[in-house]
Amino acid sequence: MQELKKILSIVGPKGGVGKSTISANLAIALAELGRKVICVDLDFGAANLNAIFGIRKVENTLDDFLLKKVEQLTDVLLDTDIKGLKIICGGDVPGIANMPYQRKMKLIRHLSNLGSDVVLLDLSAGVSFNVVDFLMITRQALLVTTPDIPSLMNVYSFIKSAAYRRLTVLFRQKKCPELLELLEKTKDVESHPNLRTMEDFLLEARKIDPEMAEYGKRVLSSFKPYLVINRVQTTADTKTGGVIDNLMHQYLSMKSKGTMVIREDTALKAAAAKMRPVIIESPSSKFSLDLKRMALNL
């Protein structure tokens, strides 16, 4: 799939890590920098972006476009009180998360044609094909986690699944059945200990098709997500991104683009109770300052 330069994805491999709150407030921070921003709720089955923005009544949602009730994705754009920022709210139609490939491609085309500087996608938690496929077409990905070990391991598992999904799509498109078969063997390390790491796989792949193996390596190296560590409380918490980086380097021959830290902040609870974004309700809070710094970095 072609990478779309203006699209930014935010994903939380595990639910409950603050992904949607970060998405909404980062969209505001980018808009406050003078960018035209569209924030899209692609959290199929658990859409809540409108609630974070304090929008109680939503007439049109993404479901209306996917179910062909409206012709254009722009028909479901919703204005906000923030200058330069519009949102597209998600819906809750059963089964919509497992959308057919052609419908997904149509959505991607319409996302790429939205008239804005930045299209920010708030993706579902987990590692479904939909999530990985949307991640594959974005300019930059932010993977949100908390400092606890289970969350960190979920991030690593997500990155691994995304990497292998990218290679699977590539080898299918290029009609390389032998490489697909070799990739399938990596799922059973006990039977194939020679395929324990990505470098092991690429070494064997070069024996089959050196050119495609090198192409696959370039595809993987192009995926450099930011690691966002949310709810940081201690100095040790700030260093947890290094754990993921080490695993990525050792087993996947990949690197992140860097680590961003968001501090724990009681202001979030107060803002949520008022159904207002934190960055609007408490612009000088630790969370808000961290999000503004993130927007500048991006």
C-alpha atoms as a PDB file:
ATOM      1  CA  MET A   1       0.000   0.000   0.000  1.00  0.00           C
ATOM      2  CA  GLN A   2       1.162   3.534  -0.703  1.00  0.00           C
ATOM      3  CA  GLU A   3       2.080   5.581   2.328  1.00  0.00           C
ATOM      4  CA  LEU A   4      -0.054   8.698   2.717  1.00  0.00           C
ATOM      5  CA  LYS A   5       2.193  11.508   3.895  1.00  0.00           C
ATOM      6  CA  LYS A   6      -0.330  13.566   5.844  1.00  0.00           C
ATOM      7  CA  ILE A   7      -1.856  10.695   7.827  1.00  0.00           C
ATOM      8  CA  LEU A   8      -0.850  10.093  11.444  1.00  0.00           C
ATOM      9  CA  SER A   9      -2.018   6.966  13.295  1.00  0.00           C
ATOM     10  CA  ILE A  10      -2.341   6.450  17.024  1.00  0.00           C
ATOM     11  CA  VAL A  11      -2.730   2.891  18.244  1.00  0.00           C
ATOM     12  CA  GLY A  12      -2.830   1.226  21.635  1.00  0.00           C
ATOM     13  CA  PRO A  13      -2.041  -2.481  21.309  1.00  0.00           C
ATOM     14  CA  LYS A  14      -3.791  -2.893  24.678  1.00  0.00           C
ATOM     15  CA  GLY A  15      -7.062  -1.209  25.629  1.00  0.00           C
ATOM     16  CA  GLY A  16      -7.228   1.303  28.450  1.00  0.00           C
ATOM     17  CA  VAL A  17      -3.826   2.948  27.927  1.00  0.00           C
ATOM     18  CA  GLY A  18      -5.256   6.391  27.109  1.00  0.00           C
ATOM     19  CA  LYS A  19      -5.037   6.203  23.313  1.00  0.00           C
ATOM     20  CA  SER A  20      -8.236   8.089  22.489  1.00  0.00           C
ATOM     21  CA  THR A  21      -7.573  10.807  25.063  1.00  0.00           C
ATOM     22  CA  ILE A  22      -4.138  11.336  23.553  1.00  0.00           C
ATOM     23  CA  SER A  23      -5.607  11.346  20.016  1.00  0.00           C
ATOM     24  CA  ALA A  24      -8.170  14.045  20.815  1.00  0.00           C
ATOM     25  CA  ASN A  25      -5.801  16.304  22.709  1.00  0.00           C
ATOM     26  CA  LEU A  26      -2.964  15.888  20.209  1.00  0.00           C
ATOM     27  CA  ALA A  27      -5.381  16.894  17.442  1.00  0.00           C
ATOM     28  CA  ILE A  28      -6.172  20.063  19.388  1.00  0.00           C
ATOM     29  CA  ALA A  29      -2.476  20.778  20.018  1.00  0.00           C
ATOM     30  CA  LEU A  30      -1.739  20.445  16.285  1.00  0.00           C
ATOM     31  CA  ALA A  31      -4.663  22.730  15.429  1.00  0.00           C
ATOM     32  CA  GLU A  32      -3.388  25.309  17.923  1.00  0.00           C
ATOM     33  CA  LEU A  33      -0.121  25.318  15.961  1.00  0.00           C
ATOM     34  CA  GLY A  34      -2.078  26.527  12.942  1.00  0.00           C
ATOM     35  CA  ARG A  35      -2.566  23.192  11.199  1.00  0.00           C
ATOM     36  CA  LYS A  36      -5.851  22.140   9.606  1.00  0.00           C
ATOM     37  CA  VAL A  37      -6.587  18.845  11.339  1.00  0.00           C
ATOM     38  CA  ILE A  38      -9.197  16.113  10.916  1.00  0.00           C
ATOM     39  CA  CYS A  39      -9.367  13.549  13.718  1.00  0.00           C
ATOM     40  CA  VAL A  40     -11.027  10.272  12.671  1.00  0.00           C
ATOM     41  CA  ASP A  41     -12.419   7.751  15.146  1.00  0.00           C
ATOM     42  CA  LEU A  42     -11.487   4.363  13.673  1.00  0.00           C
ATOM     43  CA  ASP A  43     -11.873   2.573  17.005  1.00  0.00           C
ATOM     44  CA  PHE A  44     -14.495   0.206  15.601  1.00  0.00           C
ATOM     45  CA  GLY A  45     -16.799  -1.118  18.311  1.00  0.00           C
ATOM     46  CA  ALA A  46     -15.549   1.271  21.018  1.00  0.00           C
ATOM     47  CA  ALA A  47     -15.888   4.719  19.455  1.00  0.00           C
ATOM     48  CA  ASN A  48     -15.775   7.513  22.055  1.00  0.00           C
ATOM     49  CA  LEU A  49     -14.011  10.457  20.415  1.00  0.00           C
ATOM     50  CA  ASN A  50     -17.152  12.606  20.453  1.00  0.00           C
ATOM     51  CA  ALA A  51     -17.497  12.142  24.230  1.00  0.00           C
ATOM     52  CA  ILE A  52     -13.939  13.363  24.819  1.00  0.00           C
ATOM     53  CA  PHE A  53     -14.764  16.490  22.811  1.00  0.00           C
ATOM     54  CA  GLY A  54     -17.987  16.932  24.778  1.00  0.00           C
ATOM     55  CA  ILE A  55     -20.176  16.372  21.728  1.00  0.00           C
ATOM     56  CA  ARG A  56     -23.355  14.666  22.906  1.00  0.00           C
ATOM     57  CA  LYS A  57     -25.427  14.595  19.719  1.00  0.00           C
ATOM     58  CA  VAL A  58     -23.928  13.122  16.550  1.00  0.00           C
ATOM     59  CA  GLU A  59     -26.104  13.033  13.450  1.00  0.00           C
ATOM     60  CA  ASN A  60     -23.674  11.371  11.029  1.00  0.00           C
ATOM     61  CA  THR A  61     -20.892   8.909  11.777  1.00  0.00           C
ATOM     62  CA  LEU A  62     -18.294   6.923   9.875  1.00  0.00           C
ATOM     63  CA  ASP A  63     -20.811   4.068   9.684  1.00  0.00           C
ATOM     64  CA  ASP A  64     -23.036   6.199   7.440  1.00  0.00           C
ATOM     65  CA  PHE A  65     -20.222   6.403   4.909  1.00  0.00           C
ATOM     66  CA  LEU A  66     -19.231   2.742   5.186  1.00  0.00           C
ATOM     67  CA  LEU A  67     -22.856   1.641   4.785  1.00  0.00           C
ATOM     68  CA  LYS A  68     -23.293   3.994   1.782  1.00  0.00           C
ATOM     69  CA  LYS A  69     -25.898   6.193   3.436  1.00  0.00           C
ATOM     70  CA  VAL A  70     -23.767   9.139   2.286  1.00  0.00           C
ATOM     71  CA  GLU A  71     -21.524   9.242  -0.766  1.00  0.00           C
ATOM     72  CA  GLN A  72     -18.522  11.203   0.497  1.00  0.00           C
ATOM     73  CA  LEU A  73     -16.492  10.929   3.677  1.00  0.00           C
ATOM     74  CA  THR A  74     -16.660  14.726   3.888  1.00  0.00           C
ATOM     75  CA  ASP A  75     -20.425  14.346   4.418  1.00  0.00           C
ATOM     76  CA  VAL A  76     -19.790  13.070   7.950  1.00  0.00           C
ATOM     77  CA  LEU A  77     -17.270  15.752   8.971  1.00  0.00           C
ATOM     78  CA  LEU A  78     -18.230  17.430  12.232  1.00  0.00           C
ATOM     79  CA  ASP A  79     -17.124  20.909  13.294  1.00  0.00           C
ATOM     80  CA  THR A  80     -15.637  21.492  16.737  1.00  0.00           C
ATOM     81  CA  ASP A  81     -15.165  24.594  18.865  1.00  0.00           C
ATOM     82  CA  ILE A  82     -11.451  24.523  18.063  1.00  0.00           C
ATOM     83  CA  LYS A  83     -10.358  26.572  15.053  1.00  0.00           C
ATOM     84  CA  GLY A  84      -8.945  24.373  12.285  1.00  0.00           C
ATOM     85  CA  LEU A  85     -10.150  21.085  13.795  1.00  0.00           C
ATOM     86  CA  LYS A  86     -12.915  18.806  12.515  1.00  0.00           C
ATOM     87  CA  ILE A  87     -13.681  15.254  13.569  1.00  0.00           C
ATOM     88  CA  ILE A  88     -15.293  12.139  12.124  1.00  0.00           C
ATOM     89  CA  CYS A  89     -17.094  10.141  14.772  1.00  0.00           C
ATOM     90  CA  GLY A  90     -17.177   6.360  14.816  1.00  0.00           C
ATOM     91  CA  GLY A  91     -20.309   4.261  15.089  1.00  0.00           C
ATOM     92  CA  ASP A  92     -21.321   0.922  16.491  1.00  0.00           C
ATOM     93  CA  VAL A  93     -22.797  -1.134  13.657  1.00  0.00           C
ATOM     94  CA  PRO A  94     -22.175  -4.834  14.505  1.00  0.00           C
ATOM     95  CA  GLY A  95     -19.578  -6.474  12.264  1.00  0.00           C
ATOM     96  CA  ILE A  96     -18.295  -3.219  10.765  1.00  0.00           C
ATOM     97  CA  ALA A  97     -14.844  -3.887  12.237  1.00  0.00           C
ATOM     98  CA  ASN A  98     -14.458  -6.812   9.831  1.00  0.00           C
ATOM     99  CA  MET A  99     -15.008  -4.730   6.731  1.00  0.00           C
ATOM    100  CA  PRO A 100     -14.340  -6.270   3.309  1.00  0.00           C
ATOM    101  CA  TYR A 101     -11.070  -5.391   1.584  1.00  0.00           C
ATOM    102  CA  GLN A 102     -12.690  -3.246  -1.129  1.00  0.00           C
ATOM    103  CA  ARG A 103     -14.603  -1.195   1.433  1.00  0.00           C
ATOM    104  CA  LYS A 104     -11.390  -0.669   3.364  1.00  0.00           C
ATOM    105  CA  MET A 105      -9.583   0.500   0.216  1.00  0.00           C
ATOM    106  CA  LYS A 106     -12.424   2.930  -0.518  1.00  0.00           C
ATOM    107  CA  LEU A 107     -12.123   4.384   2.977  1.00  0.00           C
ATOM    108  CA  ILE A 108      -8.353   4.761   2.572  1.00  0.00           C
ATOM    109  CA  ARG A 109      -8.831   6.618  -0.720  1.00  0.00           C
ATOM    110  CA  HIS A 110     -11.302   9.013   0.850  1.00  0.00           C
ATOM    111  CA  LEU A 111      -9.035   9.576   3.868  1.00  0.00           C
ATOM    112  CA  SER A 112      -6.199  10.530   1.532  1.00  0.00           C
ATOM    113  CA  ASN A 113      -8.420  13.087  -0.216  1.00  0.00           C
ATOM    114  CA  LEU A 114      -9.558  14.922   2.907  1.00  0.00           C
ATOM    115  CA  GLY A 115      -8.611  18.576   2.630  1.00  0.00           C
ATOM    116  CA  SER A 116      -6.409  19.112   5.676  1.00  0.00           C
ATOM    117  CA  ASP A 117      -2.778  19.341   6.734  1.00  0.00           C
ATOM    118  CA  VAL A 118      -3.067  16.349   9.058  1.00  0.00           C
ATOM    119  CA  VAL A 119      -5.496  13.424   9.237  1.00  0.00           C
ATOM    120  CA  LEU A 120      -5.150  11.807  12.647  1.00  0.00           C
ATOM    121  CA  LEU A 121      -6.495   8.260  12.929  1.00  0.00           C
ATOM    122  CA  ASP A 122      -7.541   6.953  16.344  1.00  0.00           C
ATOM    123  CA  LEU A 123      -7.246   3.216  15.663  1.00  0.00           C
ATOM    124  CA  SER A 124      -8.764   0.303  17.552  1.00  0.00           C
ATOM    125  CA  ALA A 125      -6.825  -1.492  20.251  1.00  0.00           C
ATOM    126  CA  GLY A 126      -5.363  -4.863  19.318  1.00  0.00           C
ATOM    127  CA  VAL A 127      -3.673  -6.248  16.252  1.00  0.00           C
ATOM    128  CA  SER A 128      -6.464  -7.034  13.799  1.00  0.00           C
ATOM    129  CA  PHE A 129      -5.767  -6.903  10.058  1.00  0.00           C
ATOM    130  CA  ASN A 130      -7.771  -3.678   9.875  1.00  0.00           C
ATOM    131  CA  VAL A 131      -5.576  -1.950  12.438  1.00  0.00           C
ATOM    132  CA  VAL A 132      -2.339  -3.128  10.825  1.00  0.00           C
ATOM    133  CA  ASP A 133      -3.536  -2.258   7.320  1.00  0.00           C
ATOM    134  CA  PHE A 134      -4.444   1.303   8.302  1.00  0.00           C
ATOM    135  CA  LEU A 135      -1.132   1.576  10.116  1.00  0.00           C
ATOM    136  CA  MET A 136       0.711   0.523   6.972  1.00  0.00           C
ATOM    137  CA  ILE A 137      -0.489   3.512   4.939  1.00  0.00           C
ATOM    138  CA  THR A 138       0.352   6.222   7.459  1.00  0.00           C
ATOM    139  CA  ARG A 139       3.247   8.664   7.437  1.00  0.00           C
ATOM    140  CA  GLN A 140       3.872   8.272  11.149  1.00  0.00           C
ATOM    141  CA  ALA A 141       2.618   5.917  13.840  1.00  0.00           C
ATOM    142  CA  LEU A 142       2.424   6.491  17.587  1.00  0.00           C
ATOM    143  CA  LEU A 143       2.202   3.336  19.687  1.00  0.00           C
ATOM    144  CA  VAL A 144       0.753   4.135  23.100  1.00  0.00           C
ATOM    145  CA  THR A 145       1.553   2.056  26.160  1.00  0.00           C
ATOM    146  CA  THR A 146       1.882   2.398  29.908  1.00  0.00           C
ATOM    147  CA  PRO A 147       5.100   1.551  31.784  1.00  0.00           C
ATOM    148  CA  ASP A 148       3.902  -1.787  33.196  1.00  0.00           C
ATOM    149  CA  ILE A 149       5.552  -4.891  31.767  1.00  0.00           C
ATOM    150  CA  PRO A 150       2.370  -6.536  30.323  1.00  0.00           C
ATOM    151  CA  SER A 151       1.608  -3.369  28.340  1.00  0.00           C
ATOM    152  CA  LEU A 152       5.184  -3.161  27.071  1.00  0.00           C
ATOM    153  CA  MET A 153       5.085  -6.790  25.938  1.00  0.00           C
ATOM    154  CA  ASN A 154       1.803  -6.105  24.154  1.00  0.00           C
ATOM    155  CA  VAL A 155       3.500  -3.286  22.236  1.00  0.00           C
ATOM    156  CA  TYR A 156       6.330  -5.585  21.189  1.00  0.00           C
ATOM    157  CA  SER A 157       3.860  -8.283  20.099  1.00  0.00           C
ATOM    158  CA  PHE A 158       1.949  -5.671  18.114  1.00  0.00           C
ATOM    159  CA  ILE A 159       5.082  -4.459  16.317  1.00  0.00           C
ATOM    160  CA  LYS A 160       6.051  -8.045  15.529  1.00  0.00           C
ATOM    161  CA  SER A 161       2.591  -8.826  14.122  1.00  0.00           C
ATOM    162  CA  ALA A 162       2.620  -5.609  12.082  1.00  0.00           C
ATOM    163  CA  ALA A 163       6.038  -6.469  10.652  1.00  0.00           C
ATOM    164  CA  TYR A 164       4.991  -9.960   9.584  1.00  0.00           C
ATOM    165  CA  ARG A 165       1.705  -8.635   8.176  1.00  0.00           C
ATOM    166  CA  ARG A 166       3.685  -6.168   6.035  1.00  0.00           C
ATOM    167  CA  LEU A 167       5.872  -8.936   4.691  1.00  0.00           C
ATOM    168  CA  THR A 168       2.858 -11.178   4.038  1.00  0.00           C
ATOM    169  CA  VAL A 169       1.124  -8.459   2.003  1.00  0.00           C
ATOM    170  CA  LEU A 170       4.356  -7.736   0.104  1.00  0.00           C
ATOM    171  CA  PHE A 171       5.071 -11.346  -0.806  1.00  0.00           C
ATOM    172  CA  ARG A 172       1.465 -11.925  -1.872  1.00  0.00           C
ATOM    173  CA  GLN A 173       1.507  -8.853  -4.081  1.00  0.00           C
ATOM    174  CA  LYS A 174       4.820  -9.898  -5.647  1.00  0.00           C
ATOM    175  CA  LYS A 175       3.677 -13.526  -5.998  1.00  0.00           C
ATOM    176  CA  CYS A 176       6.434 -15.132  -3.916  1.00  0.00           C
ATOM    177  CA  PRO A 177       4.877 -18.384  -2.592  1.00  0.00           C
ATOM    178  CA  GLU A 178       8.195 -19.778  -1.353  1.00  0.00           C
ATOM    179  CA  LEU A 179       8.834 -16.734   0.807  1.00  0.00           C
ATOM    180  CA  LEU A 180       5.265 -16.889   2.132  1.00  0.00           C
ATOM    181  CA  GLU A 181       5.842 -20.517   3.070  1.00  0.00           C
ATOM    182  CA  LEU A 182       9.101 -19.615   4.797  1.00  0.00           C
ATOM    183  CA  LEU A 183       7.360 -16.780   6.659  1.00  0.00           C
ATOM    184  CA  GLU A 184       4.680 -19.188   7.853  1.00  0.00           C
ATOM    185  CA  LYS A 185       7.380 -21.413   9.357  1.00  0.00           C
ATOM    186  CA  THR A 186       8.533 -18.593  11.620  1.00  0.00           C
ATOM    187  CA  LYS A 187       5.308 -19.048  13.621  1.00  0.00           C
ATOM    188  CA  ASP A 188       6.625 -22.404  14.895  1.00  0.00           C
ATOM    189  CA  VAL A 189      10.025 -21.611  16.396  1.00  0.00           C
ATOM    190  CA  GLU A 190      10.288 -24.968  18.162  1.00  0.00           C
ATOM    191  CA  SER A 191      10.177 -26.817  14.837  1.00  0.00           C
ATOM    192  CA  HIS A 192      12.272 -24.175  13.065  1.00  0.00           C
ATOM    193  CA  PRO A 193      14.827 -22.791  15.567  1.00  0.00           C
ATOM    194  CA  ASN A 194      16.824 -21.402  12.652  1.00  0.00           C
ATOM    195  CA  LEU A 195      14.013 -18.831  12.143  1.00  0.00           C
ATOM    196  CA  ARG A 196      13.943 -17.365  15.645  1.00  0.00           C
ATOM    197  CA  THR A 197      14.659 -13.752  14.623  1.00  0.00           C
ATOM    198  CA  MET A 198      13.868 -11.547  11.643  1.00  0.00           C
ATOM    199  CA  GLU A 199      17.554 -11.612  10.669  1.00  0.00           C
ATOM    200  CA  ASP A 200      17.336 -15.419  10.638  1.00  0.00           C
ATOM    201  CA  PHE A 201      14.333 -15.222   8.332  1.00  0.00           C
ATOM    202  CA  LEU A 202      16.003 -12.736   5.989  1.00  0.00           C
ATOM    203  CA  LEU A 203      19.123 -14.905   5.849  1.00  0.00           C
ATOM    204  CA  GLU A 204      17.055 -17.884   4.663  1.00  0.00           C
ATOM    205  CA  ALA A 205      14.942 -15.664   2.385  1.00  0.00           C
ATOM    206  CA  ARG A 206      18.089 -14.471   0.578  1.00  0.00           C
ATOM    207  CA  LYS A 207      18.807 -18.084  -0.419  1.00  0.00           C
ATOM    208  CA  ILE A 208      15.399 -18.228  -2.138  1.00  0.00           C
ATOM    209  CA  ASP A 209      15.111 -14.737  -3.639  1.00  0.00           C
ATOM    210  CA  PRO A 210      17.890 -12.262  -2.747  1.00  0.00           C
ATOM    211  CA  GLU A 211      16.173  -9.305  -4.418  1.00  0.00           C
ATOM    212  CA  MET A 212      12.836  -9.777  -2.646  1.00  0.00           C
ATOM    213  CA  ALA A 213      14.569 -10.449   0.669  1.00  0.00           C
ATOM    214  CA  GLU A 214      16.343  -7.100   0.376  1.00  0.00           C
ATOM    215  CA  TYR A 215      13.084  -5.430  -0.631  1.00  0.00           C
ATOM    216  CA  GLY A 216      11.399  -6.897   2.443  1.00  0.00           C
ATOM    217  CA  LYS A 217      14.181  -5.594   4.652  1.00  0.00           C
ATOM    218  CA  ARG A 218      13.700  -2.069   3.260  1.00  0.00           C
ATOM    219  CA  VAL A 219       9.939  -2.278   3.833  1.00  0.00           C
ATOM    220  CA  LEU A 220      10.508  -3.204   7.485  1.00  0.00           C
ATOM    221  CA  SER A 221      13.115  -0.503   8.048  1.00  0.00           C
ATOM    222  CA  SER A 222      10.646   2.121   6.792  1.00  0.00           C
ATOM    223  CA  PHE A 223       8.316   1.361   9.719  1.00  0.00           C
ATOM    224  CA  LYS A 224       9.715   3.455  12.573  1.00  0.00           C
ATOM    225  CA  PRO A 225       6.951   4.214  15.074  1.00  0.00           C
ATOM    226  CA  TYR A 226       7.230   6.534  18.030  1.00  0.00           C
ATOM    227  CA  LEU A 227       6.780   4.792  21.375  1.00  0.00           C
ATOM    228  CA  VAL A 228       4.512   6.855  23.629  1.00  0.00           C
ATOM    229  CA  ILE A 229       4.791   5.965  27.316  1.00  0.00           C
ATOM    230  CA  ASN A 230       1.668   7.266  29.053  1.00  0.00           C
ATOM    231  CA  ARG A 231       1.001   7.689  32.792  1.00  0.00           C
ATOM    232  CA  VAL A 232       4.653   8.017  33.695  1.00  0.00           C
ATOM    233  CA  GLN A 233       5.269   8.542  37.426  1.00  0.00           C
ATOM    234  CA  THR A 234       8.945   7.779  38.072  1.00  0.00           C
ATOM    235  CA  THR A 235      12.330   8.235  36.440  1.00  0.00           C
ATOM    236  CA  ALA A 236      12.427   4.488  35.850  1.00  0.00           C
ATOM    237  CA  ASP A 237       9.147   4.727  33.917  1.00  0.00           C
ATOM    238  CA  THR A 238      10.730   7.159  31.452  1.00  0.00           C
ATOM    239  CA  LYS A 239      13.284   4.519  30.466  1.00  0.00           C
ATOM    240  CA  THR A 240      10.845   1.728  29.623  1.00  0.00           C
ATOM    241  CA  GLY A 241      10.828   2.601  25.931  1.00  0.00           C
ATOM    242  CA  GLY A 242      14.371   1.240  25.847  1.00  0.00           C
ATOM    243  CA  VAL A 243      13.021  -2.226  26.685  1.00  0.00           C
ATOM    244  CA  ILE A 244      10.927  -2.231  23.497  1.00  0.00           C
ATOM    245  CA  ASP A 245      13.763  -0.783  21.428  1.00  0.00           C
ATOM    246  CA  ASN A 246      16.087  -3.573  22.550  1.00  0.00           C
ATOM    247  CA  LEU A 247      13.532  -6.261  21.691  1.00  0.00           C
ATOM    248  CA  MET A 248      12.851  -4.674  18.299  1.00  0.00           C
ATOM    249  CA  HIS A 249      16.553  -4.548  17.487  1.00  0.00           C
ATOM    250  CA  GLN A 250      17.363  -8.032  18.741  1.00  0.00           C
ATOM    251  CA  TYR A 251      14.451  -9.993  17.298  1.00  0.00           C
ATOM    252  CA  LEU A 252      12.980  -7.878  14.498  1.00  0.00           C
ATOM    253  CA  SER A 253      15.986  -5.934  13.138  1.00  0.00           C
ATOM    254  CA  MET A 254      13.874  -2.775  13.500  1.00  0.00           C
ATOM    255  CA  LYS A 255      14.141   0.515  15.348  1.00  0.00           C
ATOM    256  CA  SER A 256      11.642   2.975  16.762  1.00  0.00           C
ATOM    257  CA  LYS A 257      11.841   6.653  15.860  1.00  0.00           C
ATOM    258  CA  GLY A 258      12.122   7.532  19.526  1.00  0.00           C
ATOM    259  CA  THR A 259      10.243   7.596  22.814  1.00  0.00           C
ATOM    260  CA  MET A 260       7.792  10.254  23.986  1.00  0.00           C
ATOM    261  CA  VAL A 261       6.739  10.509  27.620  1.00  0.00           C
ATOM    262  CA  ILE A 262       3.397  11.696  29.046  1.00  0.00           C
ATOM    263  CA  ARG A 263       3.260  12.190  32.793  1.00  0.00           C
ATOM    264  CA  GLU A 264       0.497  10.969  35.089  1.00  0.00           C
ATOM    265  CA  ASP A 265      -1.904  13.810  35.752  1.00  0.00           C
ATOM    266  CA  THR A 266      -5.032  14.128  37.915  1.00  0.00           C
ATOM    267  CA  ALA A 267      -6.292  16.829  35.548  1.00  0.00           C
ATOM    268  CA  LEU A 268      -7.553  14.124  33.188  1.00  0.00           C
ATOM    269  CA  LYS A 269     -10.181  12.885  35.606  1.00  0.00           C
ATOM    270  CA  ALA A 270     -11.502  16.385  36.247  1.00  0.00           C
ATOM    271  CA  ALA A 271     -11.698  17.157  32.528  1.00  0.00           C
ATOM    272  CA  ALA A 272     -13.425  13.847  31.760  1.00  0.00           C
ATOM    273  CA  ALA A 273     -16.084  14.614  34.379  1.00  0.00           C
ATOM    274  CA  LYS A 274     -16.868  17.843  32.515  1.00  0.00           C
ATOM    275  CA  MET A 275     -16.653  16.147  29.073  1.00  0.00           C
ATOM    276  CA  ARG A 276     -13.963  18.595  28.016  1.00  0.00           C
ATOM    277  CA  PRO A 277     -10.533  17.891  26.504  1.00  0.00           C
ATOM    278  CA  VAL A 278      -7.787  18.293  29.103  1.00  0.00           C
ATOM    279  CA  ILE A 279      -5.762  20.621  26.892  1.00  0.00           C
ATOM    280  CA  ILE A 280      -8.724  23.039  26.846  1.00  0.00           C
ATOM    281  CA  GLU A 281      -9.836  22.604  30.458  1.00  0.00           C
ATOM    282  CA  SER A 282      -6.308  22.657  31.976  1.00  0.00           C
ATOM    283  CA  PRO A 283      -3.884  24.020  29.361  1.00  0.00           C
ATOM    284  CA  SER A 284      -1.018  24.313  31.871  1.00  0.00           C
ATOM    285  CA  SER A 285      -1.363  20.810  33.316  1.00  0.00           C
ATOM    286  CA  LYS A 286       1.470  18.292  32.982  1.00  0.00           C
ATOM    287  CA  PHE A 287      -0.528  16.230  30.487  1.00  0.00           C
ATOM    288  CA  SER A 288      -1.325  19.271  28.330  1.00  0.00           C
ATOM    289  CA  LEU A 289       2.274  20.511  28.304  1.00  0.00           C
ATOM    290  CA  ASP A 290       3.512  17.043  27.317  1.00  0.00           C
ATOM    291  CA  LEU A 291       0.981  16.882  24.460  1.00  0.00           C
ATOM    292  CA  LYS A 292       1.965  20.332  23.208  1.00  0.00           C
ATOM    293  CA  ARG A 293       5.609  19.259  23.196  1.00  0.00           C
ATOM    294  CA  MET A 294       4.632  16.124  21.266  1.00  0.00           C
ATOM    295  CA  ALA A 295       2.800  18.219  18.671  1.00  0.00           C
ATOM    296  CA  LEU A 296       5.892  20.367  18.165  1.00  0.00           C
ATOM    297  CA  ASN A 297       8.083  17.277  17.731  1.00  0.00           C
ATOM    298  CA  LEU A 298       5.728  15.859  15.102  1.00  0.00           C
END
